[in-house]
Amino acid sequence: MGLLRRKVSLQSVGSNLRPQIVAPFQMRETAVVKTSGLVCSLLMLLPGAVLAASAFDGIWKMNVNHVQLSDKPNVYVIVGDSYTCSSCGPAYTVKADGTDQKVVGHDFDTVAITLTPTSLSIVRKLEGKTLSTAKAVLSADGNGTETQATYTNGGQPVVVKSSFKRIGAATPGASPFSGSWLQTNIESVSDAGTSETLAMTDAGLTMKANGQSYEAKFDGRKYPVAGDATHTMVVLKKISATEIVESDYAHGKLVETLHMKVSADGKTMHVVDTPLQTGQVTRYTLDKQP
């Protein structure tokens, strides 16, 4: 949930701020490690003895240089004061007049679109609270944008700067932002949005990232993400000691999966972030901090 557990783009400005991103990106209940009475007795005889840490334990930081963005473009149809996000999940159409417009089926309930000849601004809110603001500035040739987005559904604002390029020809008679746009680069993510702290036991996992947290067991049940205004629920599946799948639910529906796998040397975590409604898969890595 962090990178931002939601994909960073003008199309889907995510509300969960955990590198996952990404991120993208929660905290969970610390499960009791089961040991035999003999093992417990032996540990009591060894001052300073500790149980072995899991591969996931520690602080992880996103490596912005190792992000593989989706090859599926964002698609907008903008004619007059009508703005349609065709590639959003689900698609929606609103007036581009700068006022809050109602939308359904998203983790935000209003969106405000402001257009000028050279910029496109989007403000997303939930129950009157701003979740994100984003502004794209058009390049001189009209075939690229520089975008800055600020995410505020966490302990600290997260600022993400990225680039997009036009795919295909511009639409005659439409806004210069109308058309298909591919995210090509994430230039920077502020520190609050790049790290998370994890701890795993045999029974479950805990996660903290920028004021959001969860404590969940590997039992197939849904657990809440504390500090998340959009009320995301997570289900965890342990594949192995180095591999976990997190499934995120919104309004009772599965909306995103995160496949997390720690490398053999324990220094890198590989993440595959799949938003189910858009299919815009993002892959990135997290580096374990000393």
C-alpha atoms as a PDB file:
ATOM      1  CA  MET A   1       0.000   0.000   0.000  1.00  0.00           C
ATOM      2  CA  GLY A   2       3.709   3.581   0.254  1.00  0.00           C
ATOM      3  CA  LEU A   3       6.233   3.753  -3.439  1.00  0.00           C
ATOM      4  CA  LEU A   4       2.806   4.054  -3.317  1.00  0.00           C
ATOM      5  CA  ARG A   5       0.824   0.936  -3.014  1.00  0.00           C
ATOM      6  CA  ARG A   6      -1.179   2.730  -5.599  1.00  0.00           C
ATOM      7  CA  LYS A   7       0.394   3.531  -8.926  1.00  0.00           C
ATOM      8  CA  VAL A   8       1.757   7.051  -9.265  1.00  0.00           C
ATOM      9  CA  SER A   9       0.028   8.687 -12.216  1.00  0.00           C
ATOM     10  CA  LEU A  10      -2.564  11.266 -13.135  1.00  0.00           C
ATOM     11  CA  GLN A  11      -4.920   8.386 -13.812  1.00  0.00           C
ATOM     12  CA  SER A  12      -4.861   6.549 -10.519  1.00  0.00           C
ATOM     13  CA  VAL A  13      -3.613   8.701  -7.708  1.00  0.00           C
ATOM     14  CA  GLY A  14      -3.494   6.171  -4.904  1.00  0.00           C
ATOM     15  CA  SER A  15      -4.433   6.770  -1.355  1.00  0.00           C
ATOM     16  CA  ASN A  16      -2.270   4.182   0.395  1.00  0.00           C
ATOM     17  CA  LEU A  17       1.165   5.558   1.040  1.00  0.00           C
ATOM     18  CA  ARG A  18       3.475   2.644   1.512  1.00  0.00           C
ATOM     19  CA  PRO A  19       6.299   1.519  -0.766  1.00  0.00           C
ATOM     20  CA  GLN A  20       4.638  -0.990  -2.327  1.00  0.00           C
ATOM     21  CA  ILE A  21       4.468   2.963  -4.391  1.00  0.00           C
ATOM     22  CA  VAL A  22       4.400   3.116  -4.815  1.00  0.00           C
ATOM     23  CA  ALA A  23       2.910   2.670  -3.199  1.00  0.00           C
ATOM     24  CA  PRO A  24       1.749   2.395  -3.885  1.00  0.00           C
ATOM     25  CA  PHE A  25       1.700   0.728  -0.223  1.00  0.00           C
ATOM     26  CA  GLN A  26      -0.434  -0.892   7.377  1.00  0.00           C
ATOM     27  CA  MET A  27       0.516  -2.772  10.539  1.00  0.00           C
ATOM     28  CA  ARG A  28      -0.310  -5.988  12.160  1.00  0.00           C
ATOM     29  CA  GLU A  29      -0.684  -7.997  15.265  1.00  0.00           C
ATOM     30  CA  THR A  30       2.537  -9.634  16.429  1.00  0.00           C
ATOM     31  CA  ALA A  31       1.894 -13.340  16.453  1.00  0.00           C
ATOM     32  CA  VAL A  32       3.399 -15.626  19.103  1.00  0.00           C
ATOM     33  CA  VAL A  33       6.221 -17.858  17.880  1.00  0.00           C
ATOM     34  CA  LYS A  34       5.495 -21.465  18.830  1.00  0.00           C
ATOM     35  CA  THR A  35       8.407 -23.207  20.524  1.00  0.00           C
ATOM     36  CA  SER A  36       8.608 -26.365  22.554  1.00  0.00           C
ATOM     37  CA  GLY A  37       9.033 -26.270  26.309  1.00  0.00           C
ATOM     38  CA  LEU A  38      12.563 -27.652  25.946  1.00  0.00           C
ATOM     39  CA  VAL A  39      13.578 -24.889  23.539  1.00  0.00           C
ATOM     40  CA  CYS A  40      12.072 -22.242  25.812  1.00  0.00           C
ATOM     41  CA  SER A  41      14.011 -23.642  28.764  1.00  0.00           C
ATOM     42  CA  LEU A  42      17.263 -23.614  26.839  1.00  0.00           C
ATOM     43  CA  LEU A  43      16.714 -20.020  25.725  1.00  0.00           C
ATOM     44  CA  MET A  44      16.148 -18.958  29.309  1.00  0.00           C
ATOM     45  CA  LEU A  45      19.585 -20.362  30.165  1.00  0.00           C
ATOM     46  CA  LEU A  46      21.279 -18.278  27.461  1.00  0.00           C
ATOM     47  CA  PRO A  47      21.483 -14.568  28.377  1.00  0.00           C
ATOM     48  CA  GLY A  48      20.860 -12.337  25.384  1.00  0.00           C
ATOM     49  CA  ALA A  49      19.629 -15.229  23.244  1.00  0.00           C
ATOM     50  CA  VAL A  50      17.148 -14.130  20.570  1.00  0.00           C
ATOM     51  CA  LEU A  51      14.987 -15.885  18.055  1.00  0.00           C
ATOM     52  CA  ALA A  52      16.184 -15.722  14.470  1.00  0.00           C
ATOM     53  CA  ALA A  53      14.808 -12.802  12.487  1.00  0.00           C
ATOM     54  CA  SER A  54      12.726 -13.462   9.403  1.00  0.00           C
ATOM     55  CA  ALA A  55      13.805 -12.443   5.910  1.00  0.00           C
ATOM     56  CA  PHE A  56      11.221  -9.628   5.975  1.00  0.00           C
ATOM     57  CA  ASP A  57      12.236  -8.088   9.310  1.00  0.00           C
ATOM     58  CA  GLY A  58      13.675  -4.582   9.144  1.00  0.00           C
ATOM     59  CA  ILE A  59      13.383  -1.250   7.376  1.00  0.00           C
ATOM     60  CA  TRP A  60      13.032  -1.343   3.581  1.00  0.00           C
ATOM     61  CA  LYS A  61      13.517   1.584   1.212  1.00  0.00           C
ATOM     62  CA  MET A  62      12.336   1.833  -2.380  1.00  0.00           C
ATOM     63  CA  ASN A  63      15.024   2.119  -5.048  1.00  0.00           C
ATOM     64  CA  VAL A  64      13.675   4.733  -7.479  1.00  0.00           C
ATOM     65  CA  ASN A  65      16.236   3.617 -10.073  1.00  0.00           C
ATOM     66  CA  HIS A  66      14.767   0.102 -10.128  1.00  0.00           C
ATOM     67  CA  VAL A  67      11.139   0.781 -11.030  1.00  0.00           C
ATOM     68  CA  GLN A  68       9.602  -0.934 -14.064  1.00  0.00           C
ATOM     69  CA  LEU A  69       6.467   1.002 -14.967  1.00  0.00           C
ATOM     70  CA  SER A  70       3.428  -0.408 -16.728  1.00  0.00           C
ATOM     71  CA  ASP A  71       3.338  -0.450 -20.525  1.00  0.00           C
ATOM     72  CA  LYS A  72      -0.411   0.268 -20.465  1.00  0.00           C
ATOM     73  CA  PRO A  73      -1.090   3.973 -21.095  1.00  0.00           C
ATOM     74  CA  ASN A  74      -3.490   6.324 -19.369  1.00  0.00           C
ATOM     75  CA  VAL A  75      -6.242   7.357 -21.776  1.00  0.00           C
ATOM     76  CA  TYR A  76      -8.152  10.652 -21.548  1.00  0.00           C
ATOM     77  CA  VAL A  77     -10.871  12.128 -23.738  1.00  0.00           C
ATOM     78  CA  ILE A  78     -11.104  15.871 -23.141  1.00  0.00           C
ATOM     79  CA  VAL A  79     -13.361  17.947 -25.364  1.00  0.00           C
ATOM     80  CA  GLY A  80     -14.708  21.317 -24.278  1.00  0.00           C
ATOM     81  CA  ASP A  81     -15.462  21.116 -20.563  1.00  0.00           C
ATOM     82  CA  SER A  82     -15.925  17.319 -20.596  1.00  0.00           C
ATOM     83  CA  TYR A  83     -13.166  15.162 -19.099  1.00  0.00           C
ATOM     84  CA  THR A  84     -13.238  11.365 -19.400  1.00  0.00           C
ATOM     85  CA  CYS A  85     -10.664   9.031 -17.900  1.00  0.00           C
ATOM     86  CA  SER A  86     -11.247   6.009 -20.121  1.00  0.00           C
ATOM     87  CA  SER A  87      -8.509   3.865 -18.599  1.00  0.00           C
ATOM     88  CA  CYS A  88      -9.489   4.458 -14.979  1.00  0.00           C
ATOM     89  CA  GLY A  89     -11.076   1.576 -13.121  1.00  0.00           C
ATOM     90  CA  PRO A  90     -13.954   2.213 -13.478  1.00  0.00           C
ATOM     91  CA  ALA A  91     -13.960   4.904 -16.186  1.00  0.00           C
ATOM     92  CA  TYR A  92     -15.676   8.178 -15.358  1.00  0.00           C
ATOM     93  CA  THR A  93     -16.705  11.445 -17.036  1.00  0.00           C
ATOM     94  CA  VAL A  94     -16.915  14.801 -15.229  1.00  0.00           C
ATOM     95  CA  LYS A  95     -16.949  18.506 -16.037  1.00  0.00           C
ATOM     96  CA  ALA A  96     -13.504  20.067 -16.213  1.00  0.00           C
ATOM     97  CA  ASP A  97     -14.565  23.290 -14.514  1.00  0.00           C
ATOM     98  CA  GLY A  98     -12.413  23.174 -11.365  1.00  0.00           C
ATOM     99  CA  THR A  99     -15.281  22.188  -9.048  1.00  0.00           C
ATOM    100  CA  ASP A 100     -15.669  18.960  -7.067  1.00  0.00           C
ATOM    101  CA  GLN A 101     -17.512  16.408  -9.211  1.00  0.00           C
ATOM    102  CA  LYS A 102     -19.047  13.216  -7.811  1.00  0.00           C
ATOM    103  CA  VAL A 103     -17.625   9.850  -8.884  1.00  0.00           C
ATOM    104  CA  VAL A 104     -18.377   6.295  -7.739  1.00  0.00           C
ATOM    105  CA  GLY A 105     -16.401   3.058  -7.530  1.00  0.00           C
ATOM    106  CA  HIS A 106     -13.103   4.644  -6.480  1.00  0.00           C
ATOM    107  CA  ASP A 107     -11.238   5.250  -3.226  1.00  0.00           C
ATOM    108  CA  PHE A 108     -12.134   8.942  -3.677  1.00  0.00           C
ATOM    109  CA  ASP A 109     -15.676  10.307  -4.040  1.00  0.00           C
ATOM    110  CA  THR A 110     -15.033  13.656  -5.769  1.00  0.00           C
ATOM    111  CA  VAL A 111     -12.585  14.853  -8.373  1.00  0.00           C
ATOM    112  CA  ALA A 112     -11.906  18.412  -9.537  1.00  0.00           C
ATOM    113  CA  ILE A 113     -10.340  18.962 -12.974  1.00  0.00           C
ATOM    114  CA  THR A 114      -8.770  22.282 -13.977  1.00  0.00           C
ATOM    115  CA  LEU A 115      -7.507  22.790 -17.521  1.00  0.00           C
ATOM    116  CA  THR A 116      -5.397  25.504 -19.137  1.00  0.00           C
ATOM    117  CA  PRO A 117      -3.765  25.381 -22.582  1.00  0.00           C
ATOM    118  CA  THR A 118      -0.562  24.050 -20.974  1.00  0.00           C
ATOM    119  CA  SER A 119      -1.572  22.364 -17.698  1.00  0.00           C
ATOM    120  CA  LEU A 120      -3.947  19.789 -16.260  1.00  0.00           C
ATOM    121  CA  SER A 121      -4.653  19.699 -12.518  1.00  0.00           C
ATOM    122  CA  ILE A 122      -6.561  17.015 -10.608  1.00  0.00           C
ATOM    123  CA  VAL A 123      -7.688  17.123  -6.972  1.00  0.00           C
ATOM    124  CA  ARG A 124      -9.175  13.969  -5.451  1.00  0.00           C
ATOM    125  CA  LYS A 125     -11.083  13.969  -2.170  1.00  0.00           C
ATOM    126  CA  LEU A 126     -12.904  11.552   0.092  1.00  0.00           C
ATOM    127  CA  GLU A 127     -15.656  12.895   2.336  1.00  0.00           C
ATOM    128  CA  GLY A 128     -14.270  16.400   1.860  1.00  0.00           C
ATOM    129  CA  LYS A 129     -10.681  15.468   2.748  1.00  0.00           C
ATOM    130  CA  THR A 130      -8.050  15.916   0.050  1.00  0.00           C
ATOM    131  CA  LEU A 131      -6.261  12.649  -0.722  1.00  0.00           C
ATOM    132  CA  SER A 132      -4.102  13.881  -3.576  1.00  0.00           C
ATOM    133  CA  THR A 133      -3.355  16.767  -5.896  1.00  0.00           C
ATOM    134  CA  ALA A 134      -1.553  16.428  -9.203  1.00  0.00           C
ATOM    135  CA  LYS A 135      -0.492  18.845 -11.922  1.00  0.00           C
ATOM    136  CA  ALA A 136       0.831  17.982 -15.370  1.00  0.00           C
ATOM    137  CA  VAL A 137       2.605  20.624 -17.445  1.00  0.00           C
ATOM    138  CA  LEU A 138       2.721  20.132 -21.209  1.00  0.00           C
ATOM    139  CA  SER A 139       6.045  20.198 -23.057  1.00  0.00           C
ATOM    140  CA  ALA A 140       6.637  22.737 -25.828  1.00  0.00           C
ATOM    141  CA  ASP A 141       6.082  20.128 -28.562  1.00  0.00           C
ATOM    142  CA  GLY A 142       2.894  18.815 -26.929  1.00  0.00           C
ATOM    143  CA  ASN A 143       4.164  15.246 -26.732  1.00  0.00           C
ATOM    144  CA  GLY A 144       5.268  15.054 -23.119  1.00  0.00           C
ATOM    145  CA  THR A 145       4.364  16.191 -19.621  1.00  0.00           C
ATOM    146  CA  GLU A 146       6.174  16.759 -16.342  1.00  0.00           C
ATOM    147  CA  THR A 147       3.919  15.815 -13.445  1.00  0.00           C
ATOM    148  CA  GLN A 148       4.066  16.560  -9.748  1.00  0.00           C
ATOM    149  CA  ALA A 149       1.653  14.793  -7.400  1.00  0.00           C
ATOM    150  CA  THR A 150       1.220  15.249  -3.652  1.00  0.00           C
ATOM    151  CA  TYR A 151      -0.407  12.483  -1.591  1.00  0.00           C
ATOM    152  CA  THR A 152      -1.844  13.447   1.798  1.00  0.00           C
ATOM    153  CA  ASN A 153      -3.402  10.219   3.116  1.00  0.00           C
ATOM    154  CA  GLY A 154      -0.552   9.528   5.521  1.00  0.00           C
ATOM    155  CA  GLY A 155       1.456  10.927   8.398  1.00  0.00           C
ATOM    156  CA  GLN A 156       3.401  13.249   6.097  1.00  0.00           C
ATOM    157  CA  PRO A 157       2.700  14.489   2.550  1.00  0.00           C
ATOM    158  CA  VAL A 158       4.452  12.495  -0.169  1.00  0.00           C
ATOM    159  CA  VAL A 159       5.579  14.345  -3.301  1.00  0.00           C
ATOM    160  CA  VAL A 160       6.223  12.382  -6.485  1.00  0.00           C
ATOM    161  CA  LYS A 161       7.674  13.822  -9.688  1.00  0.00           C
ATOM    162  CA  SER A 162       7.348  11.845 -12.916  1.00  0.00           C
ATOM    163  CA  SER A 163       7.269  12.099 -16.707  1.00  0.00           C
ATOM    164  CA  PHE A 164       4.798  10.982 -19.378  1.00  0.00           C
ATOM    165  CA  LYS A 165       4.955  10.775 -23.164  1.00  0.00           C
ATOM    166  CA  ARG A 166       2.152  10.837 -25.720  1.00  0.00           C
ATOM    167  CA  ILE A 167       1.364   7.570 -27.497  1.00  0.00           C
ATOM    168  CA  GLY A 168      -0.127   8.142 -30.943  1.00  0.00           C
ATOM    169  CA  ALA A 169      -1.297  11.363 -32.535  1.00  0.00           C
ATOM    170  CA  ALA A 170      -3.055  14.200 -30.743  1.00  0.00           C
ATOM    171  CA  THR A 171      -6.842  14.361 -31.187  1.00  0.00           C
ATOM    172  CA  PRO A 172      -7.869  17.208 -33.553  1.00  0.00           C
ATOM    173  CA  GLY A 173     -10.175  19.721 -31.915  1.00  0.00           C
ATOM    174  CA  ALA A 174      -9.631  18.309 -28.421  1.00  0.00           C
ATOM    175  CA  SER A 175      -7.558  19.452 -25.454  1.00  0.00           C
ATOM    176  CA  PRO A 176      -3.816  18.888 -25.946  1.00  0.00           C
ATOM    177  CA  PHE A 177      -4.063  16.529 -22.944  1.00  0.00           C
ATOM    178  CA  SER A 178      -6.603  14.335 -24.708  1.00  0.00           C
ATOM    179  CA  GLY A 179      -5.186  11.010 -25.904  1.00  0.00           C
ATOM    180  CA  SER A 180      -3.000   8.197 -24.594  1.00  0.00           C
ATOM    181  CA  TRP A 181      -0.118   8.886 -22.212  1.00  0.00           C
ATOM    182  CA  LEU A 182       2.549   6.460 -21.028  1.00  0.00           C
ATOM    183  CA  GLN A 183       4.360   7.023 -17.745  1.00  0.00           C
ATOM    184  CA  THR A 184       8.066   6.792 -18.623  1.00  0.00           C
ATOM    185  CA  ASN A 185       9.946   7.773 -15.494  1.00  0.00           C
ATOM    186  CA  ILE A 186       9.662   8.441 -11.773  1.00  0.00           C
ATOM    187  CA  GLU A 187      12.157  11.208 -11.143  1.00  0.00           C
ATOM    188  CA  SER A 188      11.815  11.444  -7.379  1.00  0.00           C
ATOM    189  CA  VAL A 189       9.727  10.434  -4.371  1.00  0.00           C
ATOM    190  CA  SER A 190      10.002  12.323  -1.082  1.00  0.00           C
ATOM    191  CA  ASP A 191      11.467  10.329   1.795  1.00  0.00           C
ATOM    192  CA  ALA A 192       8.146   9.811   3.593  1.00  0.00           C
ATOM    193  CA  GLY A 193       6.891   7.735   0.653  1.00  0.00           C
ATOM    194  CA  THR A 194       9.861   5.445   0.120  1.00  0.00           C
ATOM    195  CA  SER A 195      10.260   3.312   3.240  1.00  0.00           C
ATOM    196  CA  GLU A 196       8.386   0.809   5.363  1.00  0.00           C
ATOM    197  CA  THR A 197       9.125  -1.307   8.421  1.00  0.00           C
ATOM    198  CA  LEU A 198       8.194  -4.994   8.398  1.00  0.00           C
ATOM    199  CA  ALA A 199       8.263  -7.803  10.966  1.00  0.00           C
ATOM    200  CA  MET A 200       7.158 -11.381  10.309  1.00  0.00           C
ATOM    201  CA  THR A 201       6.456 -14.358  12.553  1.00  0.00           C
ATOM    202  CA  ASP A 202       5.205 -17.847  11.719  1.00  0.00           C
ATOM    203  CA  ALA A 203       1.649 -16.568  12.122  1.00  0.00           C
ATOM    204  CA  GLY A 204       1.623 -13.135  10.520  1.00  0.00           C
ATOM    205  CA  LEU A 205       3.191  -9.877   9.441  1.00  0.00           C
ATOM    206  CA  THR A 206       3.231  -6.292  10.708  1.00  0.00           C
ATOM    207  CA  MET A 207       3.855  -3.233   8.508  1.00  0.00           C
ATOM    208  CA  LYS A 208       4.365   0.477   9.222  1.00  0.00           C
ATOM    209  CA  ALA A 209       4.712   3.169   6.574  1.00  0.00           C
ATOM    210  CA  ASN A 210       4.210   6.923   6.936  1.00  0.00           C
ATOM    211  CA  GLY A 211       1.451   6.834   9.525  1.00  0.00           C
ATOM    212  CA  GLN A 212      -0.292   3.791   8.071  1.00  0.00           C
ATOM    213  CA  SER A 213       0.041   0.302   9.504  1.00  0.00           C
ATOM    214  CA  TYR A 214      -1.458  -3.130   9.715  1.00  0.00           C
ATOM    215  CA  GLU A 215      -1.101  -6.262  11.787  1.00  0.00           C
ATOM    216  CA  ALA A 216      -2.379  -9.316   9.921  1.00  0.00           C
ATOM    217  CA  LYS A 217      -2.185 -13.080  10.205  1.00  0.00           C
ATOM    218  CA  PHE A 218      -1.684 -15.638   7.445  1.00  0.00           C
ATOM    219  CA  ASP A 219      -5.194 -16.980   7.975  1.00  0.00           C
ATOM    220  CA  GLY A 220      -7.099 -15.721   4.921  1.00  0.00           C
ATOM    221  CA  ARG A 221      -9.033 -13.139   6.928  1.00  0.00           C
ATOM    222  CA  LYS A 222      -9.279  -9.418   6.171  1.00  0.00           C
ATOM    223  CA  TYR A 223      -7.416  -6.992   8.435  1.00  0.00           C
ATOM    224  CA  PRO A 224      -7.779  -3.176   8.459  1.00  0.00           C
ATOM    225  CA  VAL A 225      -5.090  -0.696   7.525  1.00  0.00           C
ATOM    226  CA  ALA A 226      -4.849   1.774  10.406  1.00  0.00           C
ATOM    227  CA  GLY A 227      -4.406   5.412   9.409  1.00  0.00           C
ATOM    228  CA  ASP A 228      -5.898   4.877   5.941  1.00  0.00           C
ATOM    229  CA  ALA A 229      -8.857   7.187   5.264  1.00  0.00           C
ATOM    230  CA  THR A 230     -10.061   4.884   2.470  1.00  0.00           C
ATOM    231  CA  HIS A 231     -10.491   1.935   4.873  1.00  0.00           C
ATOM    232  CA  THR A 232      -8.428  -0.593   2.921  1.00  0.00           C
ATOM    233  CA  MET A 233      -8.485  -4.191   4.176  1.00  0.00           C
ATOM    234  CA  VAL A 234      -5.651  -6.648   3.549  1.00  0.00           C
ATOM    235  CA  VAL A 235      -5.440 -10.434   3.277  1.00  0.00           C
ATOM    236  CA  LEU A 236      -2.026 -12.095   3.524  1.00  0.00           C
ATOM    237  CA  LYS A 237      -0.826 -15.392   2.090  1.00  0.00           C
ATOM    238  CA  LYS A 238       2.562 -16.802   3.029  1.00  0.00           C
ATOM    239  CA  ILE A 239       4.110 -18.645   0.099  1.00  0.00           C
ATOM    240  CA  SER A 240       7.432 -19.351   1.831  1.00  0.00           C
ATOM    241  CA  ALA A 241       9.795 -17.838   4.374  1.00  0.00           C
ATOM    242  CA  THR A 242      10.843 -15.300   1.723  1.00  0.00           C
ATOM    243  CA  GLU A 243       7.634 -14.785  -0.258  1.00  0.00           C
ATOM    244  CA  ILE A 244       4.266 -13.204   0.632  1.00  0.00           C
ATOM    245  CA  VAL A 245       1.213 -12.122  -1.365  1.00  0.00           C
ATOM    246  CA  GLU A 246      -0.839  -9.217  -0.038  1.00  0.00           C
ATOM    247  CA  SER A 247      -4.368  -8.720  -1.400  1.00  0.00           C
ATOM    248  CA  ASP A 248      -6.008  -5.309  -0.881  1.00  0.00           C
ATOM    249  CA  TYR A 249      -9.779  -4.883  -0.633  1.00  0.00           C
ATOM    250  CA  ALA A 250     -11.888  -1.730  -1.006  1.00  0.00           C
ATOM    251  CA  HIS A 251     -15.652  -1.701  -0.463  1.00  0.00           C
ATOM    252  CA  GLY A 252     -15.499  -5.476  -0.073  1.00  0.00           C
ATOM    253  CA  LYS A 253     -13.910  -6.021  -3.506  1.00  0.00           C
ATOM    254  CA  LEU A 254     -10.389  -7.190  -4.335  1.00  0.00           C
ATOM    255  CA  VAL A 255      -8.703  -4.224  -6.032  1.00  0.00           C
ATOM    256  CA  GLU A 256      -4.953  -4.852  -5.882  1.00  0.00           C
ATOM    257  CA  THR A 257      -2.338  -7.504  -5.188  1.00  0.00           C
ATOM    258  CA  LEU A 258       1.280  -7.150  -4.092  1.00  0.00           C
ATOM    259  CA  HIS A 259       3.665 -10.038  -4.607  1.00  0.00           C
ATOM    260  CA  MET A 260       6.704  -9.567  -2.340  1.00  0.00           C
ATOM    261  CA  LYS A 261       9.791 -11.774  -2.504  1.00  0.00           C
ATOM    262  CA  VAL A 262      13.094 -11.328  -0.649  1.00  0.00           C
ATOM    263  CA  SER A 263      16.284 -12.205  -2.502  1.00  0.00           C
ATOM    264  CA  ALA A 264      18.512 -15.097  -1.430  1.00  0.00           C
ATOM    265  CA  ASP A 265      21.055 -12.721   0.137  1.00  0.00           C
ATOM    266  CA  GLY A 266      18.293 -10.972   2.113  1.00  0.00           C
ATOM    267  CA  LYS A 267      19.260  -7.514   0.848  1.00  0.00           C
ATOM    268  CA  THR A 268      16.558  -6.844  -1.760  1.00  0.00           C
ATOM    269  CA  MET A 269      12.802  -7.254  -1.919  1.00  0.00           C
ATOM    270  CA  HIS A 270      11.194  -7.611  -5.357  1.00  0.00           C
ATOM    271  CA  VAL A 271       7.615  -6.327  -5.551  1.00  0.00           C
ATOM    272  CA  VAL A 272       5.003  -6.829  -8.276  1.00  0.00           C
ATOM    273  CA  ASP A 273       2.082  -4.429  -7.783  1.00  0.00           C
ATOM    274  CA  THR A 274      -1.062  -5.314  -9.769  1.00  0.00           C
ATOM    275  CA  PRO A 275      -4.136  -3.033  -9.652  1.00  0.00           C
ATOM    276  CA  LEU A 276      -6.896  -5.325 -10.907  1.00  0.00           C
ATOM    277  CA  GLN A 277      -9.218  -2.643 -12.265  1.00  0.00           C
ATOM    278  CA  THR A 278      -6.641  -1.130 -14.626  1.00  0.00           C
ATOM    279  CA  GLY A 279      -4.118  -3.942 -15.128  1.00  0.00           C
ATOM    280  CA  GLN A 280      -1.268  -1.409 -14.951  1.00  0.00           C
ATOM    281  CA  VAL A 281       1.366  -3.635 -13.373  1.00  0.00           C
ATOM    282  CA  THR A 282       4.356  -1.969 -11.690  1.00  0.00           C
ATOM    283  CA  ARG A 283       7.510  -3.796 -10.629  1.00  0.00           C
ATOM    284  CA  TYR A 284      10.071  -2.325  -8.238  1.00  0.00           C
ATOM    285  CA  THR A 285      12.620  -3.203  -5.594  1.00  0.00           C
ATOM    286  CA  LEU A 286      13.155  -2.261  -1.965  1.00  0.00           C
ATOM    287  CA  ASP A 287      16.620  -2.266  -0.402  1.00  0.00           C
ATOM    288  CA  LYS A 288      17.052  -3.445   3.196  1.00  0.00           C
ATOM    289  CA  GLN A 289      18.531  -0.728   5.370  1.00  0.00           C
ATOM    290  CA  PRO A 290      21.493  -1.367   7.710  1.00  0.00           C
END
